[in-house]
C-alpha atoms as a PDB file:
ATOM      1  CA  UNK A   1      50.358 -35.627 124.318  1.00  0.00           C
ATOM      2  CA  UNK A   2      48.558 -32.200 123.773  1.00  0.00           C
ATOM      3  CA  UNK A   3      45.166 -31.848 126.276  1.00  0.00           C
ATOM      4  CA  UNK A   4      43.661 -29.171 124.332  1.00  0.00           C
ATOM      5  CA  UNK A   5      40.712 -29.614 124.012  1.00  0.00           C
ATOM      6  CA  UNK A   6      38.880 -30.150 120.149  1.00  0.00           C
ATOM      7  CA  UNK A   7      37.093 -26.993 119.467  1.00  0.00           C
ATOM      8  CA  UNK A   8      39.359 -24.975 121.962  1.00  0.00           C
ATOM      9  CA  UNK A   9      42.503 -26.467 119.461  1.00  0.00           C
ATOM     10  CA  UNK A  10      39.921 -25.222 116.731  1.00  0.00           C
ATOM     11  CA  UNK A  11      40.217 -21.860 117.734  1.00  0.00           C
ATOM     12  CA  UNK A  12      44.173 -21.212 118.639  1.00  0.00           C
ATOM     13  CA  UNK A  13      44.243 -23.371 115.127  1.00  0.00           C
ATOM     14  CA  UNK A  14      42.393 -20.536 112.978  1.00  0.00           C
ATOM     15  CA  UNK A  15      43.371 -17.906 114.953  1.00  0.00           C
ATOM     16  CA  UNK A  16      46.700 -18.552 114.017  1.00  0.00           C
ATOM     17  CA  UNK A  17      46.348 -18.335 110.469  1.00  0.00           C
ATOM     18  CA  UNK A  18      46.458 -14.485 111.439  1.00  0.00           C
ATOM     19  CA  UNK A  19      48.755 -12.681 109.786  1.00  0.00           C
ATOM     20  CA  UNK A  20      51.689 -12.003 112.431  1.00  0.00           C
ATOM     21  CA  UNK A  21      49.841 -14.054 115.112  1.00  0.00           C
ATOM     22  CA  UNK A  22      51.923 -17.417 116.087  1.00  0.00           C
ATOM     23  CA  UNK A  23      50.512 -19.683 118.280  1.00  0.00           C
ATOM     24  CA  UNK A  24      51.151 -18.226 121.728  1.00  0.00           C
ATOM     25  CA  UNK A  25      49.633 -15.489 120.709  1.00  0.00           C
ATOM     26  CA  UNK A  26      46.816 -17.257 119.450  1.00  0.00           C
ATOM     27  CA  UNK A  27      46.536 -19.185 122.527  1.00  0.00           C
ATOM     28  CA  UNK A  28      46.481 -16.413 124.470  1.00  0.00           C
ATOM     29  CA  UNK A  29      43.617 -14.911 122.793  1.00  0.00           C
ATOM     30  CA  UNK A  30      41.583 -17.845 122.620  1.00  0.00           C
ATOM     31  CA  UNK A  31      41.650 -17.973 126.241  1.00  0.00           C
ATOM     32  CA  UNK A  32      41.034 -14.717 126.083  1.00  0.00           C
ATOM     33  CA  UNK A  33      37.658 -15.168 123.562  1.00  0.00           C
ATOM     34  CA  UNK A  34      36.826 -18.034 126.146  1.00  0.00           C
ATOM     35  CA  UNK A  35      36.793 -15.531 128.952  1.00  0.00           C
ATOM     36  CA  UNK A  36      34.292 -13.607 127.589  1.00  0.00           C
ATOM     37  CA  UNK A  37      30.640 -13.676 128.843  1.00  0.00           C
ATOM     38  CA  UNK A  38      27.988 -15.660 125.778  1.00  0.00           C
ATOM     39  CA  UNK A  39      26.956 -12.412 125.070  1.00  0.00           C
ATOM     40  CA  UNK A  40      30.599 -10.649 124.475  1.00  0.00           C
ATOM     41  CA  UNK A  41      31.787 -13.547 122.606  1.00  0.00           C
ATOM     42  CA  UNK A  42      28.660 -13.484 120.424  1.00  0.00           C
ATOM     43  CA  UNK A  43      29.014  -9.643 119.085  1.00  0.00           C
ATOM     44  CA  UNK A  44      32.663 -10.587 118.277  1.00  0.00           C
ATOM     45  CA  UNK A  45      31.550 -13.577 115.933  1.00  0.00           C
ATOM     46  CA  UNK A  46      29.172 -11.110 115.175  1.00  0.00           C
ATOM     47  CA  UNK A  47      31.376  -8.546 114.507  1.00  0.00           C
ATOM     48  CA  UNK A  48      33.522 -10.869 112.204  1.00  0.00           C
ATOM     49  CA  UNK A  49      30.533 -12.132 110.508  1.00  0.00           C
ATOM     50  CA  UNK A  50      29.399  -8.867 109.439  1.00  0.00           C
ATOM     51  CA  UNK A  51      31.511  -7.075 107.990  1.00  0.00           C
ATOM     52  CA  UNK A  52      33.174 -10.814 105.726  1.00  0.00           C
ATOM     53  CA  UNK A  53      29.476 -10.200 104.735  1.00  0.00           C
ATOM     54  CA  UNK A  54      29.308  -6.615 104.323  1.00  0.00           C
ATOM     55  CA  UNK A  55      32.331  -4.500 103.006  1.00  0.00           C
ATOM     56  CA  UNK A  56      33.765  -4.902  99.712  1.00  0.00           C
ATOM     57  CA  UNK A  57      35.790  -2.613  97.643  1.00  0.00           C
ATOM     58  CA  UNK A  58      35.205   0.879  96.581  1.00  0.00           C
ATOM     59  CA  UNK A  59      34.376   1.257  93.351  1.00  0.00           C
ATOM     60  CA  UNK A  60      36.506   4.173  92.957  1.00  0.00           C
ATOM     61  CA  UNK A  61      39.650   2.659  95.008  1.00  0.00           C
ATOM     62  CA  UNK A  62      39.717  -0.492  96.569  1.00  0.00           C
ATOM     63  CA  UNK A  63      39.953   0.116  99.851  1.00  0.00           C
ATOM     64  CA  UNK A  64      37.072  -1.189 102.278  1.00  0.00           C
ATOM     65  CA  UNK A  65      33.381   0.043 102.288  1.00  0.00           C
ATOM     66  CA  UNK A  66      29.393  -0.846 103.075  1.00  0.00           C
ATOM     67  CA  UNK A  67      29.061   1.384 100.247  1.00  0.00           C
ATOM     68  CA  UNK A  68      29.414   1.681  96.908  1.00  0.00           C
ATOM     69  CA  UNK A  69      31.430   4.424  97.561  1.00  0.00           C
ATOM     70  CA  UNK A  70      33.776   4.835 100.181  1.00  0.00           C
ATOM     71  CA  UNK A  71      33.860   7.755 102.584  1.00  0.00           C
ATOM     72  CA  UNK A  72      36.921   9.578 101.418  1.00  0.00           C
ATOM     73  CA  UNK A  73      36.095   8.949  97.784  1.00  0.00           C
ATOM     74  CA  UNK A  74      32.539  10.769  98.179  1.00  0.00           C
ATOM     75  CA  UNK A  75      34.074  13.738 100.427  1.00  0.00           C
ATOM     76  CA  UNK A  76      34.548  16.511  98.296  1.00  0.00           C
ATOM     77  CA  UNK A  77      36.163  18.412 100.172  1.00  0.00           C
ATOM     78  CA  UNK A  78      38.626  15.946  99.698  1.00  0.00           C
ATOM     79  CA  UNK A  79      41.760  17.096  96.866  1.00  0.00           C
ATOM     80  CA  UNK A  80      40.736  14.736  93.159  1.00  0.00           C
ATOM     81  CA  UNK A  81      44.843  15.914  91.247  1.00  0.00           C
ATOM     82  CA  UNK A  82      46.120  13.785  93.690  1.00  0.00           C
ATOM     83  CA  UNK A  83      46.520   9.472  95.103  1.00  0.00           C
ATOM     84  CA  UNK A  84      48.062   8.260  97.047  1.00  0.00           C
ATOM     85  CA  UNK A  85      48.802   4.611  96.525  1.00  0.00           C
ATOM     86  CA  UNK A  86      49.263   2.195  99.319  1.00  0.00           C
ATOM     87  CA  UNK A  87      50.107  -1.620  99.461  1.00  0.00           C
ATOM     88  CA  UNK A  88      47.031  -2.461 102.171  1.00  0.00           C
ATOM     89  CA  UNK A  89      43.661  -0.921 103.928  1.00  0.00           C
ATOM     90  CA  UNK A  90      45.334  -0.142 106.856  1.00  0.00           C
ATOM     91  CA  UNK A  91      47.778   1.871 105.127  1.00  0.00           C
ATOM     92  CA  UNK A  92      44.868   4.193 104.253  1.00  0.00           C
ATOM     93  CA  UNK A  93      44.105   4.425 107.657  1.00  0.00           C
ATOM     94  CA  UNK A  94      47.840   4.597 109.161  1.00  0.00           C
ATOM     95  CA  UNK A  95      48.279   7.702 106.799  1.00  0.00           C
ATOM     96  CA  UNK A  96      44.783   9.472 107.180  1.00  0.00           C
ATOM     97  CA  UNK A  97      46.135   9.466 111.507  1.00  0.00           C
ATOM     98  CA  UNK A  98      49.093  12.683 110.622  1.00  0.00           C
ATOM     99  CA  UNK A  99      45.856  14.413 109.645  1.00  0.00           C
ATOM    100  CA  UNK A 100      47.837  15.376 106.968  1.00  0.00           C
ATOM    101  CA  UNK A 101      46.679  13.910 103.566  1.00  0.00           C
ATOM    102  CA  UNK A 102      43.477  15.573 101.842  1.00  0.00           C
ATOM    103  CA  UNK A 103      43.863  14.002  98.753  1.00  0.00           C
ATOM    104  CA  UNK A 104      42.505  10.028  97.309  1.00  0.00           C
ATOM    105  CA  UNK A 105      43.476   6.612  97.840  1.00  0.00           C
ATOM    106  CA  UNK A 106      44.733   3.707  95.498  1.00  0.00           C
ATOM    107  CA  UNK A 107      45.087   0.052  97.233  1.00  0.00           C
ATOM    108  CA  UNK A 108      46.885  -2.489  95.398  1.00  0.00           C
ATOM    109  CA  UNK A 109      46.223  -5.312  97.679  1.00  0.00           C
ATOM    110  CA  UNK A 110      49.996  -6.102  97.819  1.00  0.00           C
ATOM    111  CA  UNK A 111      53.501  -4.949  95.802  1.00  0.00           C
ATOM    112  CA  UNK A 112      54.929  -7.048  93.054  1.00  0.00           C
ATOM    113  CA  UNK A 113      56.872 -10.254  93.740  1.00  0.00           C
ATOM    114  CA  UNK A 114      57.865 -12.640  91.016  1.00  0.00           C
ATOM    115  CA  UNK A 115      59.210 -15.273  92.926  1.00  0.00           C
ATOM    116  CA  UNK A 116      56.364 -15.635  94.401  1.00  0.00           C
ATOM    117  CA  UNK A 117      54.017 -15.446  91.110  1.00  0.00           C
ATOM    118  CA  UNK A 118      52.301 -11.869  92.405  1.00  0.00           C
ATOM    119  CA  UNK A 119      52.400  -9.421  88.828  1.00  0.00           C
ATOM    120  CA  UNK A 120      50.446  -6.377  87.619  1.00  0.00           C
ATOM    121  CA  UNK A 121      47.653  -9.298  87.058  1.00  0.00           C
ATOM    122  CA  UNK A 122      47.358 -10.026  90.970  1.00  0.00           C
ATOM    123  CA  UNK A 123      47.064  -6.114  91.895  1.00  0.00           C
ATOM    124  CA  UNK A 124      45.106  -3.287  91.130  1.00  0.00           C
ATOM    125  CA  UNK A 125      46.923  -1.982  88.830  1.00  0.00           C
ATOM    126  CA  UNK A 126      44.884  -1.568  85.207  1.00  0.00           C
ATOM    127  CA  UNK A 127      41.860   0.079  88.184  1.00  0.00           C
ATOM    128  CA  UNK A 128      45.018   2.628  88.691  1.00  0.00           C
ATOM    129  CA  UNK A 129      45.344   3.116  85.260  1.00  0.00           C
ATOM    130  CA  UNK A 130      41.494   4.009  84.283  1.00  0.00           C
ATOM    131  CA  UNK A 131      41.378   6.550  87.287  1.00  0.00           C
ATOM    132  CA  UNK A 132      44.126   8.415  85.788  1.00  0.00           C
ATOM    133  CA  UNK A 133      42.559   8.686  81.469  1.00  0.00           C
ATOM    134  CA  UNK A 134      41.485  12.729  82.078  1.00  0.00           C
ATOM    135  CA  UNK A 135      42.726  14.995  83.678  1.00  0.00           C
ATOM    136  CA  UNK A 136      42.309  15.729  86.986  1.00  0.00           C
ATOM    137  CA  UNK A 137      44.833  13.433  88.109  1.00  0.00           C
ATOM    138  CA  UNK A 138      47.891  15.713  88.599  1.00  0.00           C
ATOM    139  CA  UNK A 139      50.626  13.490  90.988  1.00  0.00           C
ATOM    140  CA  UNK A 140      50.237  10.044  92.322  1.00  0.00           C
ATOM    141  CA  UNK A 141      52.306   9.286  95.123  1.00  0.00           C
ATOM    142  CA  UNK A 142      54.148   6.193  95.670  1.00  0.00           C
ATOM    143  CA  UNK A 143      53.742   5.508  99.960  1.00  0.00           C
ATOM    144  CA  UNK A 144      55.039   1.668  99.836  1.00  0.00           C
ATOM    145  CA  UNK A 145      56.904   0.473 102.497  1.00  0.00           C
ATOM    146  CA  UNK A 146      60.556   0.795 101.503  1.00  0.00           C
ATOM    147  CA  UNK A 147      61.759  -3.132 100.413  1.00  0.00           C
ATOM    148  CA  UNK A 148      62.497  -4.728  97.551  1.00  0.00           C
ATOM    149  CA  UNK A 149      59.011  -5.294  96.242  1.00  0.00           C
ATOM    150  CA  UNK A 150      57.941  -1.816  97.860  1.00  0.00           C
ATOM    151  CA  UNK A 151      61.081  -0.301  95.614  1.00  0.00           C
ATOM    152  CA  UNK A 152      59.957  -2.860  92.536  1.00  0.00           C
ATOM    153  CA  UNK A 153      56.461  -1.984  92.289  1.00  0.00           C
ATOM    154  CA  UNK A 154      57.131   1.621  92.474  1.00  0.00           C
ATOM    155  CA  UNK A 155      59.323   2.294  90.430  1.00  0.00           C
ATOM    156  CA  UNK A 156      57.261  -0.029  88.007  1.00  0.00           C
ATOM    157  CA  UNK A 157      53.765   2.359  88.122  1.00  0.00           C
ATOM    158  CA  UNK A 158      55.912   5.089  88.145  1.00  0.00           C
ATOM    159  CA  UNK A 159      57.226   3.402  84.325  1.00  0.00           C
ATOM    160  CA  UNK A 160      53.616   3.230  83.398  1.00  0.00           C
ATOM    161  CA  UNK A 161      52.301   7.392  84.993  1.00  0.00           C
ATOM    162  CA  UNK A 162      55.215   9.543  84.461  1.00  0.00           C
ATOM    163  CA  UNK A 163      54.186   9.245  79.709  1.00  0.00           C
ATOM    164  CA  UNK A 164      50.595  10.349  80.945  1.00  0.00           C
ATOM    165  CA  UNK A 165      52.051  13.365  82.062  1.00  0.00           C
ATOM    166  CA  UNK A 166      51.678  12.237  85.713  1.00  0.00           C
ATOM    167  CA  UNK A 167      54.082  13.505  87.879  1.00  0.00           C
ATOM    168  CA  UNK A 168      54.726  10.082  90.166  1.00  0.00           C
ATOM    169  CA  UNK A 169      56.411  11.087  93.136  1.00  0.00           C
ATOM    170  CA  UNK A 170      57.642   8.334  96.498  1.00  0.00           C
ATOM    171  CA  UNK A 171      57.731   9.211  99.865  1.00  0.00           C
ATOM    172  CA  UNK A 172      60.842  10.542 101.884  1.00  0.00           C
ATOM    173  CA  UNK A 173      62.547   7.722 103.429  1.00  0.00           C
ATOM    174  CA  UNK A 174      65.521   8.700 106.601  1.00  0.00           C
ATOM    175  CA  UNK A 175      66.076   9.157 110.249  1.00  0.00           C
ATOM    176  CA  UNK A 176      63.307   8.833 112.639  1.00  0.00           C
ATOM    177  CA  UNK A 177      62.086  11.633 115.444  1.00  0.00           C
ATOM    178  CA  UNK A 178      65.106  11.173 118.297  1.00  0.00           C
ATOM    179  CA  UNK A 179      66.997   9.692 116.669  1.00  0.00           C
ATOM    180  CA  UNK A 180      71.592   9.256 116.163  1.00  0.00           C
ATOM    181  CA  UNK A 181      73.320   9.473 114.038  1.00  0.00           C
ATOM    182  CA  UNK A 182      76.063   7.358 114.641  1.00  0.00           C
ATOM    183  CA  UNK A 183      73.713   4.894 114.937  1.00  0.00           C
ATOM    184  CA  UNK A 184      71.887   4.533 111.525  1.00  0.00           C
ATOM    185  CA  UNK A 185      72.660   2.151 109.101  1.00  0.00           C
ATOM    186  CA  UNK A 186      74.265   3.535 105.556  1.00  0.00           C
ATOM    187  CA  UNK A 187      71.141   3.384 103.701  1.00  0.00           C
ATOM    188  CA  UNK A 188      68.746   4.878 106.052  1.00  0.00           C
ATOM    189  CA  UNK A 189      71.696   7.992 105.997  1.00  0.00           C
ATOM    190  CA  UNK A 190      71.409   7.617 101.895  1.00  0.00           C
ATOM    191  CA  UNK A 191      67.401   8.094 102.330  1.00  0.00           C
ATOM    192  CA  UNK A 192      67.697  11.087 104.481  1.00  0.00           C
ATOM    193  CA  UNK A 193      70.351  12.421 102.405  1.00  0.00           C
ATOM    194  CA  UNK A 194      69.182  12.398  99.252  1.00  0.00           C
ATOM    195  CA  UNK A 195      65.210  12.901 100.737  1.00  0.00           C
ATOM    196  CA  UNK A 196      66.402  16.538 101.817  1.00  0.00           C
ATOM    197  CA  UNK A 197      63.735  19.058 102.139  1.00  0.00           C
ATOM    198  CA  UNK A 198      64.442  22.836 102.121  1.00  0.00           C
ATOM    199  CA  UNK A 199      64.264  24.454 105.163  1.00  0.00           C
END
Protein backbone atom coordinates (compact mmCIF):
# COMPACT_ATOMS: atom_id res chain seq x y z
CA UNK A 1 0.00 0.00 0.00
CA UNK A 2 1.26 3.48 -0.92
CA UNK A 3 1.13 5.95 1.97
CA UNK A 4 2.33 8.96 -0.05
CA UNK A 5 0.06 11.99 0.38
CA UNK A 6 -1.94 12.71 -2.79
CA UNK A 7 -0.36 16.16 -3.54
CA UNK A 8 3.15 14.70 -3.13
CA UNK A 9 2.27 11.71 -5.32
CA UNK A 10 0.97 14.12 -7.99
CA UNK A 11 4.24 16.09 -7.84
CA UNK A 12 6.28 12.88 -8.21
CA UNK A 13 4.08 11.85 -11.13
CA UNK A 14 4.60 15.20 -12.91
CA UNK A 15 8.38 15.25 -12.31
CA UNK A 16 8.75 11.70 -13.62
CA UNK A 17 7.39 12.90 -16.98
CA UNK A 18 10.74 14.58 -17.63
CA UNK A 19 12.95 12.66 -20.07
CA UNK A 20 15.59 10.64 -18.22
CA UNK A 21 13.89 11.05 -14.82
CA UNK A 22 12.64 7.81 -13.30
CA UNK A 23 10.40 7.45 -10.26
CA UNK A 24 13.34 7.37 -7.80
CA UNK A 25 14.84 10.61 -9.15
CA UNK A 26 11.39 12.21 -9.31
CA UNK A 27 10.78 11.25 -5.68
CA UNK A 28 14.11 12.80 -4.61
CA UNK A 29 13.26 15.97 -6.56
CA UNK A 30 9.78 16.12 -5.02
CA UNK A 31 11.19 15.90 -1.49
CA UNK A 32 13.74 18.58 -2.41
CA UNK A 33 10.85 20.82 -3.52
CA UNK A 34 9.06 20.09 -0.24
CA UNK A 35 12.15 21.19 1.73
CA UNK A 36 12.11 24.60 -0.02
CA UNK A 37 10.74 27.72 1.62
CA UNK A 38 7.36 28.92 0.36
CA UNK A 39 9.13 31.78 -1.44
CA UNK A 40 11.58 29.45 -3.22
CA UNK A 41 8.81 27.02 -4.22
CA UNK A 42 6.75 29.92 -5.54
CA UNK A 43 9.78 31.27 -7.43
CA UNK A 44 10.38 27.83 -9.03
CA UNK A 45 6.73 27.51 -10.05
CA UNK A 46 6.80 31.07 -11.41
CA UNK A 47 9.99 30.42 -13.41
CA UNK A 48 8.44 27.31 -15.02
CA UNK A 49 5.22 29.14 -15.88
CA UNK A 50 7.07 32.24 -17.09
CA UNK A 51 9.35 30.21 -19.38
CA UNK A 52 6.38 28.27 -20.74
CA UNK A 53 4.40 31.42 -21.49
CA UNK A 54 7.15 33.76 -22.74
CA UNK A 55 9.43 31.46 -24.73
CA UNK A 56 8.71 30.54 -28.34
CA UNK A 57 10.69 29.54 -31.40
CA UNK A 58 13.01 32.03 -33.09
CA UNK A 59 11.59 33.04 -36.47
CA UNK A 60 14.95 32.18 -38.11
CA UNK A 61 16.70 29.27 -36.37
CA UNK A 62 13.78 27.80 -34.35
CA UNK A 63 15.75 27.94 -31.06
CA UNK A 64 13.87 29.12 -27.97
CA UNK A 65 13.75 32.88 -27.43
CA UNK A 66 11.58 35.51 -25.76
CA UNK A 67 12.03 37.90 -28.71
CA UNK A 68 11.11 37.65 -32.39
CA UNK A 69 14.71 36.65 -33.19
CA UNK A 70 17.10 34.92 -30.76
CA UNK A 71 20.35 36.64 -29.61
CA UNK A 72 22.51 34.42 -31.85
CA UNK A 73 20.54 35.22 -35.03
CA UNK A 74 20.48 38.91 -34.05
CA UNK A 75 24.26 39.02 -33.54
CA UNK A 76 25.83 40.70 -36.60
CA UNK A 77 29.29 39.39 -35.59
CA UNK A 78 28.22 35.77 -36.25
CA UNK A 79 29.09 34.17 -39.60
CA UNK A 80 25.83 33.83 -41.63
CA UNK A 81 27.49 31.60 -44.25
CA UNK A 82 27.55 28.54 -41.94
CA UNK A 83 24.51 26.86 -40.38
CA UNK A 84 24.94 24.13 -37.77
CA UNK A 85 21.90 21.83 -37.71
CA UNK A 86 21.11 20.27 -34.31
CA UNK A 87 18.43 18.00 -32.91
CA UNK A 88 17.40 19.99 -29.79
CA UNK A 89 17.83 23.52 -28.38
CA UNK A 90 20.07 22.07 -25.63
CA UNK A 91 22.54 21.04 -28.37
CA UNK A 92 23.01 24.74 -29.23
CA UNK A 93 24.10 25.37 -25.64
CA UNK A 94 26.54 22.42 -25.77
CA UNK A 95 28.23 23.75 -28.93
CA UNK A 96 28.26 27.32 -27.64
CA UNK A 97 30.11 26.17 -24.51
CA UNK A 98 33.08 25.18 -26.71
CA UNK A 99 33.48 28.86 -27.75
CA UNK A 100 34.88 27.56 -31.06
CA UNK A 101 31.87 27.99 -33.35
CA UNK A 102 30.83 31.40 -34.68
CA UNK A 103 28.18 30.54 -37.27
CA UNK A 104 24.40 30.20 -37.10
CA UNK A 105 22.18 27.32 -35.96
CA UNK A 106 19.03 25.50 -36.98
CA UNK A 107 17.06 23.35 -34.51
CA UNK A 108 15.18 20.37 -35.98
CA UNK A 109 13.26 19.31 -32.83
CA UNK A 110 13.92 15.63 -33.41
CA UNK A 111 15.33 13.17 -35.91
CA UNK A 112 13.78 11.16 -38.72
CA UNK A 113 12.36 7.94 -37.34
CA UNK A 114 9.76 6.28 -39.61
CA UNK A 115 9.14 3.50 -37.04
CA UNK A 116 7.89 6.13 -34.57
CA UNK A 117 6.09 8.04 -37.32
CA UNK A 118 8.54 10.97 -37.28
CA UNK A 119 8.92 12.27 -40.82
CA UNK A 120 10.44 15.46 -42.29
CA UNK A 121 7.04 17.15 -41.91
CA UNK A 122 7.24 16.85 -38.10
CA UNK A 123 10.70 18.45 -38.10
CA UNK A 124 11.72 21.98 -39.15
CA UNK A 125 13.20 20.82 -42.47
CA UNK A 126 10.99 23.17 -44.52
CA UNK A 127 12.19 26.15 -42.45
CA UNK A 128 15.83 25.07 -42.94
CA UNK A 129 15.45 24.81 -46.72
CA UNK A 130 13.81 28.27 -46.81
CA UNK A 131 16.99 29.68 -45.21
CA UNK A 132 19.15 28.25 -48.00
CA UNK A 133 17.64 30.43 -50.75
CA UNK A 134 20.12 33.01 -52.02
CA UNK A 135 23.91 33.06 -51.93
CA UNK A 136 24.56 33.65 -48.21
CA UNK A 137 24.88 30.08 -46.88
CA UNK A 138 27.99 28.20 -48.05
CA UNK A 139 28.06 25.26 -45.59
CA UNK A 140 25.57 23.30 -43.49
CA UNK A 141 27.07 21.26 -40.64
CA UNK A 142 25.10 18.20 -39.53
CA UNK A 143 25.61 18.04 -35.76
CA UNK A 144 23.39 15.09 -34.86
CA UNK A 145 24.27 12.26 -32.50
CA UNK A 146 26.00 9.27 -34.16
CA UNK A 147 22.92 7.04 -34.02
CA UNK A 148 20.96 5.29 -36.77
CA UNK A 149 18.38 8.10 -36.69
CA UNK A 150 21.09 10.80 -36.58
CA UNK A 151 22.90 9.28 -39.57
CA UNK A 152 19.64 8.86 -41.53
CA UNK A 153 18.62 12.47 -40.86
CA UNK A 154 22.06 13.80 -41.86
CA UNK A 155 22.02 11.78 -45.11
CA UNK A 156 18.46 12.91 -45.91
CA UNK A 157 19.32 16.59 -45.39
CA UNK A 158 22.58 16.28 -47.34
CA UNK A 159 20.65 14.92 -50.34
CA UNK A 160 18.38 17.98 -50.22
CA UNK A 161 21.20 20.48 -49.67
CA UNK A 162 23.94 19.34 -52.10
CA UNK A 163 21.93 20.11 -55.29
CA UNK A 164 21.71 23.73 -54.06
CA UNK A 165 25.50 24.04 -54.40
CA UNK A 166 25.95 24.25 -50.62
CA UNK A 167 28.56 22.13 -48.83
CA UNK A 168 27.02 19.60 -46.40
CA UNK A 169 29.43 18.42 -43.69
CA UNK A 170 29.19 16.19 -40.64
CA UNK A 171 30.88 16.44 -37.26
CA UNK A 172 33.90 14.13 -36.98
CA UNK A 173 33.43 11.29 -34.53
CA UNK A 174 36.15 9.25 -32.98
CA UNK A 175 38.18 8.63 -29.87
CA UNK A 176 37.50 10.67 -26.75
CA UNK A 177 40.47 12.50 -25.22
CA UNK A 178 42.42 10.30 -22.82
CA UNK A 179 40.96 7.04 -24.10
CA UNK A 180 42.95 3.92 -24.99
CA UNK A 181 42.91 2.36 -28.47
CA UNK A 182 42.69 -1.17 -27.10
CA UNK A 183 39.31 -0.44 -25.46
CA UNK A 184 37.74 1.33 -28.45
CA UNK A 185 35.15 -0.60 -30.44
CA UNK A 186 35.49 -1.12 -34.20
CA UNK A 187 32.85 1.49 -35.10
CA UNK A 188 34.57 4.20 -33.02
CA UNK A 189 37.98 3.35 -34.50
CA UNK A 190 36.55 3.38 -38.02
CA UNK A 191 35.00 6.81 -37.46
CA UNK A 192 38.26 8.08 -35.94
CA UNK A 193 40.24 6.87 -38.96
CA UNK A 194 37.81 8.15 -41.58
CA UNK A 195 37.39 11.51 -39.83
CA UNK A 196 41.12 12.08 -39.35
CA UNK A 197 42.51 15.57 -39.98
CA UNK A 198 45.82 16.91 -41.18
CA UNK A 199 48.44 17.93 -38.59
